């Protein structure tokens, strides 16, 4: 490696498997909605889709996947 070059970083390498899965689902939601970038609302859908503690907290707060999906689609 040249002295003036920086090592390449893999942006997803710092995330654990669950976070990678959530972000992957968020990307899938963005693609499904024909969006060029992943927005926070797509991450919300990813969290709800992947389950686990974050989804449980959201669901216990009244956030339901299908309702959230409809709201995001209407944006």
PDB file of N, CA and C in Angstrom:
ATOM      1  N   UNK A   1       0.844  -1.168   0.000  1.00  0.00           N
ATOM      2  CA  UNK A   1       0.000   0.000   0.000  1.00  0.00           C
ATOM      3  C   UNK A   1       0.895   1.237   0.000  1.00  0.00           C
ATOM      4  N   UNK A   2       0.488   2.208  -0.803  1.00  0.00           N
ATOM      5  CA  UNK A   2       1.258   3.442  -0.864  1.00  0.00           C
ATOM      6  C   UNK A   2       1.087   4.227   0.426  1.00  0.00           C
ATOM      7  N   UNK A   3       2.098   5.005   0.720  1.00  0.00           N
ATOM      8  CA  UNK A   3       2.080   5.776   1.955  1.00  0.00           C
ATOM      9  C   UNK A   3       0.955   6.817   1.974  1.00  0.00           C
ATOM     10  N   UNK A   4       0.644   7.384   0.804  1.00  0.00           N
ATOM     11  CA  UNK A   4      -0.370   8.429   0.754  1.00  0.00           C
ATOM     12  C   UNK A   4      -1.792   7.890   0.584  1.00  0.00           C
ATOM     13  N   UNK A   5      -1.920   6.594   0.442  1.00  0.00           N
ATOM     14  CA  UNK A   5      -3.265   6.038   0.277  1.00  0.00           C
ATOM     15  C   UNK A   5      -3.807   5.566   1.622  1.00  0.00           C
ATOM     16  N   UNK A   6      -5.105   5.656   1.734  1.00  0.00           N
ATOM     17  CA  UNK A   6      -5.767   5.223   2.965  1.00  0.00           C
ATOM     18  C   UNK A   6      -6.307   3.818   2.766  1.00  0.00           C
ATOM     19  N   UNK A   7      -6.325   3.021   3.829  1.00  0.00           N
ATOM     20  CA  UNK A   7      -6.916   1.685   3.689  1.00  0.00           C
ATOM     21  C   UNK A   7      -8.407   1.804   3.401  1.00  0.00           C
ATOM     22  N   UNK A   8      -8.900   0.920   2.583  1.00  0.00           N
ATOM     23  CA  UNK A   8     -10.325   0.917   2.273  1.00  0.00           C
ATOM     24  C   UNK A   8     -11.096   0.371   3.466  1.00  0.00           C
ATOM     25  N   UNK A   9     -12.182   1.027   3.760  1.00  0.00           N
ATOM     26  CA  UNK A   9     -13.038   0.573   4.857  1.00  0.00           C
ATOM     27  C   UNK A   9     -14.312   0.001   4.276  1.00  0.00           C
ATOM     28  N   UNK A  10     -14.745  -1.050   4.871  1.00  0.00           N
ATOM     29  CA  UNK A  10     -16.039  -1.605   4.495  1.00  0.00           C
ATOM     30  C   UNK A  10     -17.053  -1.023   5.462  1.00  0.00           C
ATOM     31  N   UNK A  11     -17.988  -0.204   4.957  1.00  0.00           N
ATOM     32  CA  UNK A  11     -18.902   0.502   5.865  1.00  0.00           C
ATOM     33  C   UNK A  11     -19.701  -0.413   6.783  1.00  0.00           C
ATOM     34  N   UNK A  12     -20.063  -1.597   6.330  1.00  0.00           N
ATOM     35  CA  UNK A  12     -20.896  -2.483   7.147  1.00  0.00           C
ATOM     36  C   UNK A  12     -20.077  -3.310   8.134  1.00  0.00           C
ATOM     37  N   UNK A  13     -18.759  -3.249   8.057  1.00  0.00           N
ATOM     38  CA  UNK A  13     -17.934  -4.117   8.897  1.00  0.00           C
ATOM     39  C   UNK A  13     -18.043  -3.793  10.382  1.00  0.00           C
ATOM     40  N   UNK A  14     -18.452  -2.600  10.712  1.00  0.00           N
ATOM     41  CA  UNK A  14     -18.533  -2.236  12.132  1.00  0.00           C
ATOM     42  C   UNK A  14     -19.849  -2.650  12.792  1.00  0.00           C
ATOM     43  N   UNK A  15     -20.791  -3.163  12.000  1.00  0.00           N
ATOM     44  CA  UNK A  15     -22.099  -3.556  12.521  1.00  0.00           C
ATOM     45  C   UNK A  15     -22.152  -5.046  12.822  1.00  0.00           C
ATOM     46  N   UNK A  16     -22.934  -5.416  13.842  1.00  0.00           N
ATOM     47  CA  UNK A  16     -23.118  -6.836  14.128  1.00  0.00           C
ATOM     48  C   UNK A  16     -24.116  -7.429  13.133  1.00  0.00           C
ATOM     49  N   UNK A  17     -24.292  -8.737  13.190  1.00  0.00           N
ATOM     50  CA  UNK A  17     -25.142  -9.423  12.210  1.00  0.00           C
ATOM     51  C   UNK A  17     -26.588  -8.932  12.242  1.00  0.00           C
ATOM     52  N   UNK A  18     -27.114  -8.683  13.419  1.00  0.00           N
ATOM     53  CA  UNK A  18     -28.506  -8.216  13.519  1.00  0.00           C
ATOM     54  C   UNK A  18     -28.657  -6.843  12.866  1.00  0.00           C
ATOM     55  N   UNK A  19     -27.723  -5.940  13.131  1.00  0.00           N
ATOM     56  CA  UNK A  19     -27.782  -4.604  12.526  1.00  0.00           C
ATOM     57  C   UNK A  19     -27.662  -4.696  11.007  1.00  0.00           C
ATOM     58  N   UNK A  20     -26.791  -5.567  10.530  1.00  0.00           N
ATOM     59  CA  UNK A  20     -26.652  -5.759   9.079  1.00  0.00           C
ATOM     60  C   UNK A  20     -27.958  -6.270   8.476  1.00  0.00           C
ATOM     61  N   UNK A  21     -28.616  -7.159   9.195  1.00  0.00           N
ATOM     62  CA  UNK A  21     -29.893  -7.700   8.707  1.00  0.00           C
ATOM     63  C   UNK A  21     -30.959  -6.602   8.649  1.00  0.00           C
ATOM     64  N   UNK A  22     -31.028  -5.781   9.690  1.00  0.00           N
ATOM     65  CA  UNK A  22     -31.993  -4.675   9.715  1.00  0.00           C
ATOM     66  C   UNK A  22     -31.714  -3.712   8.567  1.00  0.00           C
ATOM     67  N   UNK A  23     -30.456  -3.359   8.367  1.00  0.00           N
ATOM     68  CA  UNK A  23     -30.113  -2.433   7.287  1.00  0.00           C
ATOM     69  C   UNK A  23     -30.368  -3.054   5.920  1.00  0.00           C
ATOM     70  N   UNK A  24     -30.153  -4.357   5.804  1.00  0.00           N
ATOM     71  CA  UNK A  24     -30.475  -5.045   4.554  1.00  0.00           C
ATOM     72  C   UNK A  24     -31.965  -4.998   4.265  1.00  0.00           C
ATOM     73  N   UNK A  25     -32.774  -5.217   5.298  1.00  0.00           N
ATOM     74  CA  UNK A  25     -34.229  -5.133   5.132  1.00  0.00           C
ATOM     75  C   UNK A  25     -34.650  -3.701   4.809  1.00  0.00           C
ATOM     76  N   UNK A  26     -33.994  -2.732   5.429  1.00  0.00           N
ATOM     77  CA  UNK A  26     -34.289  -1.328   5.133  1.00  0.00           C
ATOM     78  C   UNK A  26     -33.992  -1.027   3.669  1.00  0.00           C
ATOM     79  N   UNK A  27     -32.878  -1.554   3.173  1.00  0.00           N
ATOM     80  CA  UNK A  27     -32.547  -1.384   1.760  1.00  0.00           C
ATOM     81  C   UNK A  27     -33.570  -2.037   0.856  1.00  0.00           C
ATOM     82  N   UNK A  28     -34.042  -3.197   1.246  1.00  0.00           N
ATOM     83  CA  UNK A  28     -35.076  -3.889   0.464  1.00  0.00           C
ATOM     84  C   UNK A  28     -36.369  -3.083   0.434  1.00  0.00           C
ATOM     85  N   UNK A  29     -36.724  -2.494   1.563  1.00  0.00           N
ATOM     86  CA  UNK A  29     -37.928  -1.659   1.614  1.00  0.00           C
ATOM     87  C   UNK A  29     -37.762  -0.429   0.723  1.00  0.00           C
ATOM     88  N   UNK A  30     -36.597   0.199   0.773  1.00  0.00           N
ATOM     89  CA  UNK A  30     -36.352   1.369  -0.074  1.00  0.00           C
ATOM     90  C   UNK A  30     -36.451   0.988  -1.549  1.00  0.00           C
ATOM     91  N   UNK A  31     -35.873  -0.140  -1.912  1.00  0.00           N
ATOM     92  CA  UNK A  31     -35.936  -0.611  -3.299  1.00  0.00           C
ATOM     93  C   UNK A  31     -37.375  -0.900  -3.699  1.00  0.00           C
ATOM     94  N   UNK A  32     -38.116  -1.562  -2.829  1.00  0.00           N
ATOM     95  CA  UNK A  32     -39.515  -1.890  -3.110  1.00  0.00           C
ATOM     96  C   UNK A  32     -40.333  -0.630  -3.373  1.00  0.00           C
ATOM     97  N   UNK A  33     -39.966   0.446  -2.689  1.00  0.00           N
ATOM     98  CA  UNK A  33     -40.683   1.710  -2.828  1.00  0.00           C
ATOM     99  C   UNK A  33     -40.057   2.620  -3.890  1.00  0.00           C
ATOM    100  N   UNK A  34     -39.121   2.079  -4.650  1.00  0.00           N
ATOM    101  CA  UNK A  34     -38.460   2.809  -5.743  1.00  0.00           C
ATOM    102  C   UNK A  34     -37.738   4.060  -5.248  1.00  0.00           C
ATOM    103  N   UNK A  35     -37.076   3.930  -4.120  1.00  0.00           N
ATOM    104  CA  UNK A  35     -36.296   5.038  -3.563  1.00  0.00           C
ATOM    105  C   UNK A  35     -34.819   4.770  -3.810  1.00  0.00           C
ATOM    106  N   UNK A  36     -34.072   5.825  -4.051  1.00  0.00           N
ATOM    107  CA  UNK A  36     -32.646   5.699  -4.338  1.00  0.00           C
ATOM    108  C   UNK A  36     -31.787   5.587  -3.085  1.00  0.00           C
ATOM    109  N   UNK A  37     -32.290   6.070  -1.966  1.00  0.00           N
ATOM    110  CA  UNK A  37     -31.523   6.017  -0.725  1.00  0.00           C
ATOM    111  C   UNK A  37     -32.387   5.452   0.400  1.00  0.00           C
ATOM    112  N   UNK A  38     -31.713   4.951   1.413  1.00  0.00           N
ATOM    113  CA  UNK A  38     -32.412   4.423   2.588  1.00  0.00           C
ATOM    114  C   UNK A  38     -32.646   5.586   3.553  1.00  0.00           C
ATOM    115  N   UNK A  39     -33.898   5.799   3.866  1.00  0.00           N
ATOM    116  CA  UNK A  39     -34.304   6.868   4.781  1.00  0.00           C
ATOM    117  C   UNK A  39     -34.655   6.254   6.141  1.00  0.00           C
ATOM    118  N   UNK A  40     -34.781   7.076   7.189  1.00  0.00           N
ATOM    119  CA  UNK A  40     -35.122   6.548   8.515  1.00  0.00           C
ATOM    120  C   UNK A  40     -36.393   5.705   8.534  1.00  0.00           C
ATOM    121  N   UNK A  41     -37.374   6.070   7.719  1.00  0.00           N
ATOM    122  CA  UNK A  41     -38.610   5.284   7.700  1.00  0.00           C
ATOM    123  C   UNK A  41     -38.376   3.866   7.188  1.00  0.00           C
ATOM    124  N   UNK A  42     -37.388   3.689   6.323  1.00  0.00           N
ATOM    125  CA  UNK A  42     -37.055   2.345   5.836  1.00  0.00           C
ATOM    126  C   UNK A  42     -36.371   1.538   6.942  1.00  0.00           C
ATOM    127  N   UNK A  43     -35.553   2.221   7.740  1.00  0.00           N
ATOM    128  CA  UNK A  43     -34.906   1.552   8.879  1.00  0.00           C
ATOM    129  C   UNK A  43     -35.969   1.121   9.892  1.00  0.00           C
ATOM    130  N   UNK A  44     -36.968   1.965  10.114  1.00  0.00           N
ATOM    131  CA  UNK A  44     -38.081   1.595  11.001  1.00  0.00           C
ATOM    132  C   UNK A  44     -38.741   0.312  10.512  1.00  0.00           C
ATOM    133  N   UNK A  45     -39.024   0.236   9.218  1.00  0.00           N
ATOM    134  CA  UNK A  45     -39.634  -0.983   8.663  1.00  0.00           C
ATOM    135  C   UNK A  45     -38.694  -2.173   8.811  1.00  0.00           C
ATOM    136  N   UNK A  46     -37.395  -1.946   8.626  1.00  0.00           N
ATOM    137  CA  UNK A  46     -36.418  -3.014   8.816  1.00  0.00           C
ATOM    138  C   UNK A  46     -36.415  -3.530  10.244  1.00  0.00           C
ATOM    139  N   UNK A  47     -36.482  -2.618  11.203  1.00  0.00           N
ATOM    140  CA  UNK A  47     -36.526  -3.016  12.616  1.00  0.00           C
ATOM    141  C   UNK A  47     -37.764  -3.846  12.913  1.00  0.00           C
ATOM    142  N   UNK A  48     -38.906  -3.405  12.404  1.00  0.00           N
ATOM    143  CA  UNK A  48     -40.151  -4.135  12.646  1.00  0.00           C
ATOM    144  C   UNK A  48     -40.145  -5.499  11.971  1.00  0.00           C
ATOM    145  N   UNK A  49     -39.564  -5.581  10.794  1.00  0.00           N
ATOM    146  CA  UNK A  49     -39.533  -6.832  10.039  1.00  0.00           C
ATOM    147  C   UNK A  49     -38.622  -7.868  10.684  1.00  0.00           C
ATOM    148  N   UNK A  50     -37.496  -7.412  11.224  1.00  0.00           N
ATOM    149  CA  UNK A  50     -36.496  -8.352  11.741  1.00  0.00           C
ATOM    150  C   UNK A  50     -36.804  -8.875  13.137  1.00  0.00           C
ATOM    151  N   UNK A  51     -37.747  -8.269  13.819  1.00  0.00           N
ATOM    152  CA  UNK A  51     -38.102  -8.752  15.146  1.00  0.00           C
ATOM    153  C   UNK A  51     -37.061  -8.391  16.188  1.00  0.00           C
ATOM    154  N   UNK A  52     -37.069  -9.111  17.284  1.00  0.00           N
ATOM    155  CA  UNK A  52     -36.132  -8.844  18.365  1.00  0.00           C
ATOM    156  C   UNK A  52     -36.644  -7.768  19.309  1.00  0.00           C
ATOM    157  N   UNK A  53     -35.774  -7.325  20.192  1.00  0.00           N
ATOM    158  CA  UNK A  53     -36.147  -6.352  21.213  1.00  0.00           C
ATOM    159  C   UNK A  53     -36.621  -5.028  20.611  1.00  0.00           C
ATOM    160  N   UNK A  54     -35.920  -4.462  19.608  1.00  0.00           N
ATOM    161  CA  UNK A  54     -36.419  -3.194  19.051  1.00  0.00           C
ATOM    162  C   UNK A  54     -37.842  -3.308  18.504  1.00  0.00           C
ATOM    163  N   UNK A  55     -38.128  -4.380  17.806  1.00  0.00           N
ATOM    164  CA  UNK A  55     -39.478  -4.576  17.263  1.00  0.00           C
ATOM    165  C   UNK A  55     -40.489  -4.713  18.392  1.00  0.00           C
ATOM    166  N   UNK A  56     -40.124  -5.421  19.443  1.00  0.00           N
ATOM    167  CA  UNK A  56     -41.027  -5.609  20.586  1.00  0.00           C
ATOM    168  C   UNK A  56     -41.341  -4.270  21.248  1.00  0.00           C
ATOM    169  N   UNK A  57     -40.317  -3.444  21.431  1.00  0.00           N
ATOM    170  CA  UNK A  57     -40.523  -2.123  22.033  1.00  0.00           C
ATOM    171  C   UNK A  57     -41.452  -1.283  21.159  1.00  0.00           C
ATOM    172  N   UNK A  58     -41.207  -1.287  19.853  1.00  0.00           N
ATOM    173  CA  UNK A  58     -42.059  -0.529  18.930  1.00  0.00           C
ATOM    174  C   UNK A  58     -43.492  -1.051  18.948  1.00  0.00           C
ATOM    175  N   UNK A  59     -43.638  -2.371  18.893  1.00  0.00           N
ATOM    176  CA  UNK A  59     -44.978  -2.970  18.895  1.00  0.00           C
ATOM    177  C   UNK A  59     -45.710  -2.684  20.201  1.00  0.00           C
ATOM    178  N   UNK A  60     -44.990  -2.759  21.320  1.00  0.00           N
ATOM    179  CA  UNK A  60     -45.601  -2.449  22.619  1.00  0.00           C
ATOM    180  C   UNK A  60     -46.016  -0.981  22.719  1.00  0.00           C
ATOM    181  N   UNK A  61     -45.396  -0.140  21.890  1.00  0.00           N
ATOM    182  CA  UNK A  61     -45.738   1.286  21.846  1.00  0.00           C
ATOM    183  C   UNK A  61     -46.840   1.572  20.839  1.00  0.00           C
ATOM    184  N   UNK A  62     -47.353   0.512  20.214  1.00  0.00           N
ATOM    185  CA  UNK A  62     -48.460   0.673  19.280  1.00  0.00           C
ATOM    186  C   UNK A  62     -48.082   0.745  17.815  1.00  0.00           C
ATOM    187  N   UNK A  63     -46.808   0.560  17.501  1.00  0.00           N
ATOM    188  CA  UNK A  63     -46.366   0.612  16.106  1.00  0.00           C
ATOM    189  C   UNK A  63     -46.488  -0.789  15.512  1.00  0.00           C
ATOM    190  N   UNK A  64     -47.311  -0.917  14.497  1.00  0.00           N
ATOM    191  CA  UNK A  64     -47.534  -2.208  13.833  1.00  0.00           C
ATOM    192  C   UNK A  64     -46.915  -2.170  12.443  1.00  0.00           C
ATOM    193  N   UNK A  65     -46.322  -3.280  12.027  1.00  0.00           N
ATOM    194  CA  UNK A  65     -45.616  -3.342  10.748  1.00  0.00           C
ATOM    195  C   UNK A  65     -46.494  -2.916   9.583  1.00  0.00           C
ATOM    196  N   UNK A  66     -47.660  -3.505   9.444  1.00  0.00           N
ATOM    197  CA  UNK A  66     -48.497  -3.207   8.276  1.00  0.00           C
ATOM    198  C   UNK A  66     -48.965  -1.755   8.265  1.00  0.00           C
ATOM    199  N   UNK A  67     -49.282  -1.220   9.434  1.00  0.00           N
ATOM    200  CA  UNK A  67     -49.687   0.189   9.504  1.00  0.00           C
ATOM    201  C   UNK A  67     -48.512   1.102   9.163  1.00  0.00           C
ATOM    202  N   UNK A  68     -47.333   0.768   9.672  1.00  0.00           N
ATOM    203  CA  UNK A  68     -46.138   1.558   9.365  1.00  0.00           C
ATOM    204  C   UNK A  68     -45.820   1.482   7.877  1.00  0.00           C
ATOM    205  N   UNK A  69     -45.950   0.300   7.309  1.00  0.00           N
ATOM    206  CA  UNK A  69     -45.683   0.124   5.877  1.00  0.00           C
ATOM    207  C   UNK A  69     -46.644   0.983   5.044  1.00  0.00           C
ATOM    208  N   UNK A  70     -47.915   0.975   5.395  1.00  0.00           N
ATOM    209  CA  UNK A  70     -48.892   1.801   4.660  1.00  0.00           C
ATOM    210  C   UNK A  70     -48.563   3.288   4.792  1.00  0.00           C
ATOM    211  N   UNK A  71     -48.167   3.704   5.989  1.00  0.00           N
ATOM    212  CA  UNK A  71     -47.822   5.113   6.205  1.00  0.00           C
ATOM    213  C   UNK A  71     -46.601   5.514   5.374  1.00  0.00           C
ATOM    214  N   UNK A  72     -45.605   4.641   5.323  1.00  0.00           N
ATOM    215  CA  UNK A  72     -44.402   4.934   4.534  1.00  0.00           C
ATOM    216  C   UNK A  72     -44.742   4.963   3.049  1.00  0.00           C
ATOM    217  N   UNK A  73     -45.579   4.054   2.605  1.00  0.00           N
ATOM    218  CA  UNK A  73     -45.976   4.032   1.194  1.00  0.00           C
ATOM    219  C   UNK A  73     -46.723   5.303   0.806  1.00  0.00           C
ATOM    220  N   UNK A  74     -47.447   5.892   1.750  1.00  0.00           N
ATOM    221  CA  UNK A  74     -48.227   7.099   1.466  1.00  0.00           C
ATOM    222  C   UNK A  74     -47.371   8.368   1.452  1.00  0.00           C
ATOM    223  N   UNK A  75     -46.135   8.275   1.870  1.00  0.00           N
ATOM    224  CA  UNK A  75     -45.256   9.458   1.930  1.00  0.00           C
ATOM    225  C   UNK A  75     -44.853   9.916   0.543  1.00  0.00           C
TER     226      UNK A  75
END
